[in-house]
Amino acid sequence: MEGSGVNRVRVEILGTQYTLRGKESEEHMKQVAKLVDELMRQLSESHSYLDLKRIAVLTALNVADELVTLREKYEELTALLDETTRSEPS
């Protein structure tokens, strides 16, 4: 795969090994996996009665909620910046 721009990295999430492949750096993929592992562990510890599938879905929902919130804030800031830029004298 040399020269294809695809990186591979082995990570562990909630006790299970995964091989990730992607164009992002190995460090980036490790950082993402570490965050997912931490979020899943937090849910697992606070809701020990949940099975792995439910923990994964709740983690995905929490991450998606954060993503949607950040996108909304980004759009608001972009609109504010555009408005500010248009109102400045040239």
Protein backbone atom coordinates (compact mmCIF):
# COMPACT_ATOMS: atom_id res chain seq x y z
CA MET A 1 0.00 0.00 0.00
CA GLU A 2 2.98 2.26 -0.04
CA GLY A 3 2.25 5.49 -1.87
CA SER A 4 -1.52 5.00 -1.71
CA GLY A 5 -1.90 7.57 1.06
CA VAL A 6 -3.78 5.14 3.29
CA ASN A 7 -2.56 4.72 6.85
CA ARG A 8 -3.32 1.78 9.13
CA VAL A 9 -3.28 1.79 12.89
CA ARG A 10 -4.29 -0.77 15.51
CA VAL A 11 -6.36 0.63 18.38
CA GLU A 12 -8.33 -0.69 21.33
CA ILE A 13 -11.80 0.53 22.17
CA LEU A 14 -13.53 -0.78 25.27
CA GLY A 15 -11.34 -3.87 25.31
CA THR A 16 -11.72 -4.78 21.62
CA GLN A 17 -8.91 -4.41 19.06
CA TYR A 18 -9.67 -2.65 15.77
CA THR A 19 -7.55 -1.87 12.73
CA LEU A 20 -8.36 1.56 11.38
CA ARG A 21 -7.51 2.57 7.83
CA GLY A 22 -7.73 6.09 6.50
CA LYS A 23 -6.04 9.02 4.89
CA GLU A 24 -5.64 10.83 8.21
CA SER A 25 -2.38 10.49 10.12
CA GLU A 26 -1.91 7.55 12.47
CA GLU A 27 -1.77 10.01 15.35
CA HIS A 28 -5.12 11.52 14.34
CA MET A 29 -6.76 8.09 14.13
CA LYS A 30 -5.33 7.12 17.53
CA GLN A 31 -6.65 10.35 19.03
CA VAL A 32 -10.14 9.70 17.61
CA ALA A 33 -10.12 6.12 18.90
CA LYS A 34 -8.95 7.28 22.33
CA LEU A 35 -11.82 9.77 22.51
CA VAL A 36 -14.37 7.11 21.51
CA ASP A 37 -12.90 4.72 24.08
CA GLU A 38 -13.07 7.36 26.83
CA LEU A 39 -16.67 8.29 25.99
CA MET A 40 -17.77 4.66 25.87
CA ARG A 41 -16.02 3.91 29.16
CA GLN A 42 -17.73 6.86 30.84
CA LEU A 43 -21.14 5.63 29.71
CA SER A 44 -20.29 2.05 30.63
CA GLU A 45 -19.24 3.07 34.15
CA SER A 46 -22.28 5.25 34.80
CA HIS A 47 -24.74 2.81 33.19
CA SER A 48 -23.30 -0.63 33.96
CA TYR A 49 -26.60 -2.34 33.06
CA LEU A 50 -26.27 -1.35 29.36
CA ASP A 51 -24.91 -3.81 26.82
CA LEU A 52 -22.12 -2.91 24.40
CA LYS A 53 -24.51 -2.17 21.52
CA ARG A 54 -26.50 0.35 23.56
CA ILE A 55 -23.30 1.95 24.88
CA ALA A 56 -22.07 2.35 21.28
CA VAL A 57 -25.37 3.85 20.10
CA LEU A 58 -25.57 6.28 23.04
CA THR A 59 -21.96 7.30 22.44
CA ALA A 60 -22.72 7.89 18.76
CA LEU A 61 -25.78 9.98 19.70
CA ASN A 62 -23.74 12.08 22.15
CA VAL A 63 -21.02 12.68 19.56
CA ALA A 64 -23.60 13.50 16.87
CA ASP A 65 -25.32 15.94 19.25
CA GLU A 66 -22.01 17.69 19.88
CA LEU A 67 -21.29 17.81 16.14
CA VAL A 68 -24.70 19.32 15.33
CA THR A 69 -24.27 21.92 18.10
CA LEU A 70 -20.80 22.84 16.84
CA ARG A 71 -22.05 23.12 13.25
CA GLU A 72 -24.86 25.44 14.37
CA LYS A 73 -22.39 27.61 16.27
CA TYR A 74 -20.04 27.62 13.27
CA GLU A 75 -22.86 28.79 10.99
CA GLU A 76 -23.79 31.53 13.48
CA LEU A 77 -20.19 32.71 13.72
CA THR A 78 -19.74 32.60 9.95
CA ALA A 79 -22.91 34.65 9.45
CA LEU A 80 -21.76 37.15 12.09
CA LEU A 81 -18.34 37.43 10.46
CA ASP A 82 -19.94 37.95 7.03
CA GLU A 83 -22.23 40.61 8.48
CA THR A 84 -19.34 42.37 10.20
CA THR A 85 -17.21 42.24 7.05
CA ARG A 86 -20.01 43.68 4.89
CA SER A 87 -20.68 46.54 7.29
CA GLU A 88 -17.02 47.67 7.42
CA PRO A 89 -16.16 50.62 5.17
CA SER A 90 -13.99 49.68 2.19
